[in-house]
Amino acid sequence: MIYLDTSVALAQVLGEDRRPPDQFWKERRVCSRILIYEMWTRLHARGLGDSHAGLCEELLAETALVELRPEVLARALEPFPTPVRTLDALHLSTADFLRSRGDKIAIATYDERMARAAKALGFSIAEAG
């Protein structure tokens, strides 16, 4: 299962040069529900809310979203092996929660800081182009 970081989701919706190959999108994807808020906030900040709404809604509909459960929020309060930002802590805590339930998770991210933290937590990094 691939944990979809916002950096990869936005690259796809915005049609950036660096984005996953078609095969990537055939994999089972999961993310924290905060992906919704990150996606829309960034699209609106760029004035792209209307023009990219369909692409954004399609990507979100095809991604399993995990609620910010108490266990996830509690993990985000604990230290991480490398410095992380708040939203990254919530994403990594969500991935860690899924792993604790027996799911094999690979993190898909273009964010180097997020990738370092994910590797330090023992996650593999998914090939995302």
N, C-alpha and C. Protein backbone atom coordinates (compact mmCIF):
# COMPACT_ATOMS: atom_id res chain seq x y z
N MET A 1 0.85 -1.17 0.00
CA MET A 1 0.00 0.00 0.00
C MET A 1 0.90 1.24 0.00
N ILE A 2 0.49 2.25 -0.73
CA ILE A 2 1.27 3.47 -0.84
C ILE A 2 0.61 4.58 -0.03
N TYR A 3 1.40 5.19 0.85
CA TYR A 3 0.92 6.37 1.58
C TYR A 3 1.25 7.58 0.72
N LEU A 4 0.22 8.27 0.27
CA LEU A 4 0.36 9.38 -0.67
C LEU A 4 0.58 10.70 0.07
N ASP A 5 1.76 11.25 -0.09
CA ASP A 5 2.05 12.56 0.49
C ASP A 5 1.48 13.64 -0.42
N THR A 6 1.17 14.77 0.16
CA THR A 6 0.58 15.89 -0.57
C THR A 6 1.47 16.36 -1.71
N SER A 7 2.78 16.29 -1.55
CA SER A 7 3.68 16.75 -2.61
C SER A 7 3.46 15.97 -3.90
N VAL A 8 3.22 14.69 -3.80
CA VAL A 8 2.99 13.85 -4.97
C VAL A 8 1.59 14.09 -5.53
N ALA A 9 0.62 14.20 -4.64
CA ALA A 9 -0.76 14.44 -5.08
C ALA A 9 -0.87 15.77 -5.84
N LEU A 10 -0.25 16.80 -5.31
CA LEU A 10 -0.30 18.11 -5.97
C LEU A 10 0.43 18.09 -7.31
N ALA A 11 1.56 17.41 -7.38
CA ALA A 11 2.30 17.31 -8.64
C ALA A 11 1.43 16.69 -9.72
N GLN A 12 0.65 15.69 -9.35
CA GLN A 12 -0.23 15.03 -10.31
C GLN A 12 -1.36 15.97 -10.75
N VAL A 13 -2.03 16.58 -9.80
CA VAL A 13 -3.16 17.45 -10.12
C VAL A 13 -2.72 18.68 -10.92
N LEU A 14 -1.54 19.19 -10.60
CA LEU A 14 -1.05 20.39 -11.29
C LEU A 14 -0.32 20.07 -12.59
N GLY A 15 -0.13 18.79 -12.89
CA GLY A 15 0.53 18.42 -14.13
C GLY A 15 1.99 18.82 -14.18
N GLU A 16 2.66 18.77 -13.03
CA GLU A 16 4.07 19.15 -12.98
C GLU A 16 4.93 18.14 -13.73
N ASP A 17 6.13 18.55 -14.09
CA ASP A 17 7.05 17.66 -14.80
C ASP A 17 7.36 16.41 -14.00
N ARG A 18 7.58 16.58 -12.71
CA ARG A 18 7.90 15.44 -11.85
C ARG A 18 6.59 14.94 -11.24
N ARG A 19 6.14 13.82 -11.75
CA ARG A 19 4.93 13.20 -11.22
C ARG A 19 5.01 11.70 -11.47
N PRO A 20 4.23 10.94 -10.76
CA PRO A 20 4.32 9.48 -10.87
C PRO A 20 3.92 8.96 -12.25
N PRO A 21 4.50 7.81 -12.62
CA PRO A 21 4.08 7.17 -13.87
C PRO A 21 2.66 6.61 -13.73
N ASP A 22 2.04 6.29 -14.83
CA ASP A 22 0.66 5.78 -14.82
C ASP A 22 0.51 4.56 -13.92
N GLN A 23 1.50 3.67 -13.91
CA GLN A 23 1.43 2.46 -13.08
C GLN A 23 1.24 2.77 -11.59
N PHE A 24 1.85 3.86 -11.15
CA PHE A 24 1.74 4.27 -9.75
C PHE A 24 0.28 4.39 -9.32
N TRP A 25 -0.55 4.94 -10.20
CA TRP A 25 -1.95 5.23 -9.86
C TRP A 25 -2.82 3.99 -9.85
N LYS A 26 -2.26 2.84 -10.25
CA LYS A 26 -2.99 1.57 -10.18
C LYS A 26 -2.81 0.89 -8.83
N GLU A 27 -1.87 1.39 -8.04
CA GLU A 27 -1.61 0.84 -6.72
C GLU A 27 -2.67 1.33 -5.72
N ARG A 28 -2.83 0.58 -4.65
CA ARG A 28 -3.74 1.00 -3.57
C ARG A 28 -3.08 2.15 -2.83
N ARG A 29 -3.80 3.27 -2.70
CA ARG A 29 -3.26 4.47 -2.05
C ARG A 29 -4.09 4.84 -0.83
N VAL A 30 -3.38 5.40 0.14
CA VAL A 30 -4.01 5.82 1.38
C VAL A 30 -3.35 7.10 1.84
N CYS A 31 -4.08 7.90 2.59
CA CYS A 31 -3.53 9.13 3.16
C CYS A 31 -4.41 9.58 4.32
N SER A 32 -3.87 10.44 5.13
CA SER A 32 -4.65 11.07 6.18
C SER A 32 -5.68 11.99 5.55
N ARG A 33 -6.79 12.16 6.21
CA ARG A 33 -7.85 13.06 5.74
C ARG A 33 -7.34 14.49 5.57
N ILE A 34 -6.23 14.84 6.21
CA ILE A 34 -5.71 16.21 6.05
C ILE A 34 -5.30 16.49 4.62
N LEU A 35 -5.14 15.45 3.80
CA LEU A 35 -4.82 15.65 2.39
C LEU A 35 -5.88 16.55 1.73
N ILE A 36 -7.12 16.37 2.07
CA ILE A 36 -8.20 17.19 1.50
C ILE A 36 -7.92 18.67 1.74
N TYR A 37 -7.59 19.02 2.96
CA TYR A 37 -7.39 20.42 3.34
C TYR A 37 -6.11 20.98 2.73
N GLU A 38 -5.07 20.17 2.69
CA GLU A 38 -3.83 20.62 2.06
C GLU A 38 -4.02 20.87 0.57
N MET A 39 -4.70 19.97 -0.09
CA MET A 39 -4.91 20.10 -1.53
C MET A 39 -5.71 21.36 -1.86
N TRP A 40 -6.85 21.51 -1.21
CA TRP A 40 -7.71 22.65 -1.52
C TRP A 40 -7.07 23.97 -1.12
N THR A 41 -6.38 24.01 0.00
CA THR A 41 -5.72 25.25 0.42
C THR A 41 -4.69 25.68 -0.61
N ARG A 42 -3.91 24.74 -1.09
CA ARG A 42 -2.87 25.08 -2.07
C ARG A 42 -3.45 25.44 -3.43
N LEU A 43 -4.49 24.74 -3.83
CA LEU A 43 -5.12 25.09 -5.11
C LEU A 43 -5.75 26.49 -5.04
N HIS A 44 -6.45 26.79 -3.96
CA HIS A 44 -7.05 28.11 -3.82
C HIS A 44 -5.99 29.20 -3.73
N ALA A 45 -4.89 28.91 -3.05
CA ALA A 45 -3.81 29.91 -2.93
C ALA A 45 -3.24 30.27 -4.30
N ARG A 46 -3.29 29.34 -5.24
CA ARG A 46 -2.77 29.58 -6.58
C ARG A 46 -3.87 30.04 -7.55
N GLY A 47 -5.08 30.22 -7.03
CA GLY A 47 -6.19 30.63 -7.88
C GLY A 47 -6.65 29.54 -8.83
N LEU A 48 -6.44 28.26 -8.45
CA LEU A 48 -6.75 27.14 -9.33
C LEU A 48 -7.90 26.27 -8.81
N GLY A 49 -8.62 26.76 -7.82
CA GLY A 49 -9.70 25.96 -7.23
C GLY A 49 -10.75 25.54 -8.23
N ASP A 50 -11.16 26.45 -9.09
CA ASP A 50 -12.19 26.12 -10.08
C ASP A 50 -11.64 25.27 -11.23
N SER A 51 -10.52 25.66 -11.77
CA SER A 51 -9.99 24.97 -12.95
C SER A 51 -9.48 23.56 -12.65
N HIS A 52 -9.06 23.30 -11.42
CA HIS A 52 -8.50 21.99 -11.08
C HIS A 52 -9.39 21.18 -10.14
N ALA A 53 -10.60 21.65 -9.91
CA ALA A 53 -11.51 20.98 -8.97
C ALA A 53 -11.76 19.52 -9.36
N GLY A 54 -12.05 19.28 -10.63
CA GLY A 54 -12.35 17.92 -11.06
C GLY A 54 -11.19 16.97 -10.85
N LEU A 55 -9.99 17.40 -11.21
CA LEU A 55 -8.80 16.56 -11.03
C LEU A 55 -8.56 16.28 -9.55
N CYS A 56 -8.73 17.31 -8.74
CA CYS A 56 -8.52 17.15 -7.30
C CYS A 56 -9.55 16.19 -6.71
N GLU A 57 -10.80 16.38 -7.04
CA GLU A 57 -11.85 15.51 -6.50
C GLU A 57 -11.68 14.07 -6.95
N GLU A 58 -11.24 13.87 -8.18
CA GLU A 58 -11.00 12.51 -8.68
C GLU A 58 -9.87 11.83 -7.90
N LEU A 59 -8.76 12.54 -7.70
CA LEU A 59 -7.64 11.97 -6.95
C LEU A 59 -8.07 11.64 -5.52
N LEU A 60 -8.79 12.54 -4.88
CA LEU A 60 -9.23 12.29 -3.51
C LEU A 60 -10.20 11.12 -3.44
N ALA A 61 -11.08 10.99 -4.42
CA ALA A 61 -12.05 9.89 -4.42
C ALA A 61 -11.37 8.53 -4.59
N GLU A 62 -10.22 8.52 -5.24
CA GLU A 62 -9.50 7.27 -5.49
C GLU A 62 -8.47 6.95 -4.42
N THR A 63 -8.42 7.75 -3.38
CA THR A 63 -7.47 7.56 -2.29
C THR A 63 -8.23 7.27 -1.00
N ALA A 64 -7.88 6.18 -0.33
CA ALA A 64 -8.51 5.87 0.95
C ALA A 64 -8.02 6.89 1.99
N LEU A 65 -8.95 7.50 2.68
CA LEU A 65 -8.60 8.53 3.66
C LEU A 65 -8.79 8.01 5.08
N VAL A 66 -7.80 8.27 5.91
CA VAL A 66 -7.80 7.81 7.29
C VAL A 66 -8.10 8.99 8.20
N GLU A 67 -9.03 8.80 9.11
CA GLU A 67 -9.38 9.84 10.06
C GLU A 67 -8.23 10.10 11.04
N LEU A 68 -8.19 11.28 11.59
CA LEU A 68 -7.19 11.60 12.61
C LEU A 68 -7.68 11.04 13.95
N ARG A 69 -7.47 9.76 14.11
CA ARG A 69 -7.90 9.04 15.32
C ARG A 69 -7.05 9.47 16.52
N PRO A 70 -7.54 9.26 17.71
CA PRO A 70 -6.75 9.61 18.90
C PRO A 70 -5.36 8.98 18.92
N GLU A 71 -5.23 7.75 18.43
CA GLU A 71 -3.93 7.08 18.41
C GLU A 71 -2.96 7.81 17.47
N VAL A 72 -3.47 8.29 16.37
CA VAL A 72 -2.64 9.02 15.41
C VAL A 72 -2.19 10.33 16.01
N LEU A 73 -3.12 11.05 16.61
CA LEU A 73 -2.79 12.34 17.22
C LEU A 73 -1.81 12.17 18.39
N ALA A 74 -1.98 11.11 19.16
CA ALA A 74 -1.06 10.86 20.28
C ALA A 74 0.35 10.59 19.76
N ARG A 75 0.46 9.81 18.67
CA ARG A 75 1.79 9.53 18.12
C ARG A 75 2.47 10.80 17.61
N ALA A 76 1.69 11.71 17.06
CA ALA A 76 2.26 12.96 16.52
C ALA A 76 2.85 13.82 17.63
N LEU A 77 2.44 13.60 18.86
CA LEU A 77 2.98 14.35 19.99
C LEU A 77 4.33 13.81 20.47
N GLU A 78 4.66 12.61 20.04
CA GLU A 78 5.91 11.99 20.46
C GLU A 78 7.06 12.47 19.56
N PRO A 79 8.28 12.28 20.03
CA PRO A 79 9.42 12.70 19.20
C PRO A 79 9.58 11.85 17.95
N PHE A 80 10.18 12.43 16.94
CA PHE A 80 10.52 11.75 15.70
C PHE A 80 12.04 11.70 15.60
N PRO A 81 12.56 10.73 14.86
CA PRO A 81 14.03 10.58 14.79
C PRO A 81 14.73 11.71 14.04
N THR A 82 14.00 12.47 13.26
CA THR A 82 14.54 13.63 12.57
C THR A 82 13.52 14.76 12.71
N PRO A 83 13.94 16.01 12.55
CA PRO A 83 12.97 17.11 12.67
C PRO A 83 11.88 17.02 11.60
N VAL A 84 10.63 17.24 12.02
CA VAL A 84 9.50 17.22 11.10
C VAL A 84 8.61 18.43 11.36
N ARG A 85 7.88 18.81 10.32
CA ARG A 85 6.88 19.86 10.45
C ARG A 85 5.59 19.24 10.96
N THR A 86 4.68 20.07 11.41
CA THR A 86 3.45 19.58 12.04
C THR A 86 2.66 18.66 11.12
N LEU A 87 2.38 19.08 9.90
CA LEU A 87 1.57 18.24 9.01
C LEU A 87 2.31 16.96 8.63
N ASP A 88 3.62 17.04 8.50
CA ASP A 88 4.40 15.82 8.23
C ASP A 88 4.30 14.85 9.41
N ALA A 89 4.31 15.39 10.62
CA ALA A 89 4.16 14.54 11.81
C ALA A 89 2.81 13.83 11.78
N LEU A 90 1.78 14.53 11.37
CA LEU A 90 0.46 13.90 11.28
C LEU A 90 0.41 12.84 10.18
N HIS A 91 1.03 13.12 9.05
CA HIS A 91 1.09 12.12 7.98
C HIS A 91 1.87 10.89 8.42
N LEU A 92 3.05 11.11 8.99
CA LEU A 92 3.87 9.98 9.42
C LEU A 92 3.20 9.19 10.54
N SER A 93 2.51 9.88 11.41
CA SER A 93 1.78 9.20 12.48
C SER A 93 0.65 8.35 11.91
N THR A 94 0.01 8.84 10.88
CA THR A 94 -1.05 8.06 10.22
C THR A 94 -0.46 6.81 9.58
N ALA A 95 0.65 6.97 8.88
CA ALA A 95 1.31 5.82 8.26
C ALA A 95 1.76 4.81 9.32
N ASP A 96 2.28 5.32 10.42
CA ASP A 96 2.73 4.46 11.51
C ASP A 96 1.55 3.70 12.12
N PHE A 97 0.42 4.37 12.26
CA PHE A 97 -0.80 3.74 12.76
C PHE A 97 -1.22 2.58 11.85
N LEU A 98 -1.22 2.83 10.54
CA LEU A 98 -1.59 1.78 9.59
C LEU A 98 -0.63 0.61 9.66
N ARG A 99 0.65 0.91 9.78
CA ARG A 99 1.66 -0.15 9.89
C ARG A 99 1.44 -0.96 11.16
N SER A 100 1.07 -0.31 12.25
CA SER A 100 0.83 -1.01 13.51
C SER A 100 -0.35 -1.97 13.42
N ARG A 101 -1.22 -1.74 12.45
CA ARG A 101 -2.38 -2.61 12.23
C ARG A 101 -2.07 -3.72 11.23
N GLY A 102 -0.81 -3.80 10.79
CA GLY A 102 -0.39 -4.88 9.92
C GLY A 102 -0.27 -4.53 8.45
N ASP A 103 -0.55 -3.29 8.08
CA ASP A 103 -0.42 -2.89 6.68
C ASP A 103 1.04 -2.63 6.34
N LYS A 104 1.45 -3.08 5.16
CA LYS A 104 2.79 -2.78 4.67
C LYS A 104 2.68 -1.47 3.89
N ILE A 105 3.40 -0.47 4.35
CA ILE A 105 3.27 0.89 3.82
C ILE A 105 4.58 1.36 3.20
N ALA A 106 4.50 1.94 2.01
CA ALA A 106 5.62 2.66 1.39
C ALA A 106 5.16 4.11 1.24
N ILE A 107 6.02 5.03 1.57
CA ILE A 107 5.68 6.45 1.51
C ILE A 107 6.06 7.01 0.13
N ALA A 108 5.11 7.69 -0.51
CA ALA A 108 5.37 8.39 -1.77
C ALA A 108 5.44 9.88 -1.47
N THR A 109 6.63 10.46 -1.62
CA THR A 109 6.82 11.88 -1.34
C THR A 109 7.91 12.46 -2.22
N TYR A 110 7.79 13.74 -2.52
CA TYR A 110 8.86 14.48 -3.19
C TYR A 110 9.56 15.41 -2.19
N ASP A 111 9.12 15.40 -0.96
CA ASP A 111 9.66 16.26 0.09
C ASP A 111 10.83 15.54 0.76
N GLU A 112 12.04 16.07 0.58
CA GLU A 112 13.23 15.41 1.13
C GLU A 112 13.20 15.27 2.64
N ARG A 113 12.71 16.27 3.34
CA ARG A 113 12.63 16.20 4.81
C ARG A 113 11.68 15.08 5.24
N MET A 114 10.54 15.00 4.55
CA MET A 114 9.57 13.94 4.84
C MET A 114 10.17 12.57 4.53
N ALA A 115 10.89 12.46 3.42
CA ALA A 115 11.52 11.18 3.05
C ALA A 115 12.56 10.75 4.09
N ARG A 116 13.37 11.69 4.56
CA ARG A 116 14.36 11.36 5.60
C ARG A 116 13.68 10.85 6.86
N ALA A 117 12.64 11.53 7.28
CA ALA A 117 11.92 11.11 8.49
C ALA A 117 11.27 9.75 8.29
N ALA A 118 10.67 9.53 7.12
CA ALA A 118 10.03 8.24 6.84
C ALA A 118 11.05 7.11 6.87
N LYS A 119 12.19 7.32 6.23
CA LYS A 119 13.25 6.30 6.25
C LYS A 119 13.74 6.03 7.66
N ALA A 120 13.90 7.10 8.45
CA ALA A 120 14.36 6.94 9.84
C ALA A 120 13.36 6.15 10.67
N LEU A 121 12.09 6.18 10.28
CA LEU A 121 11.05 5.41 10.97
C LEU A 121 10.92 3.99 10.41
N GLY A 122 11.74 3.67 9.40
CA GLY A 122 11.73 2.32 8.84
C GLY A 122 10.80 2.12 7.67
N PHE A 123 10.27 3.18 7.11
CA PHE A 123 9.41 3.07 5.93
C PHE A 123 10.27 3.04 4.67
N SER A 124 9.80 2.34 3.66
CA SER A 124 10.43 2.42 2.36
C SER A 124 9.79 3.59 1.61
N ILE A 125 10.50 4.09 0.62
CA ILE A 125 10.01 5.20 -0.18
C ILE A 125 9.54 4.62 -1.52
N ALA A 126 8.27 4.88 -1.85
CA ALA A 126 7.68 4.37 -3.09
C ALA A 126 8.26 5.13 -4.28
N GLU A 127 8.45 4.42 -5.37
CA GLU A 127 8.92 5.04 -6.60
C GLU A 127 7.78 5.88 -7.17
N ALA A 128 7.99 7.18 -7.21
CA ALA A 128 6.94 8.08 -7.67
C ALA A 128 7.44 8.99 -8.79
N GLY A 129 8.39 8.52 -9.55
CA GLY A 129 8.89 9.28 -10.69
C GLY A 129 9.91 10.33 -10.37
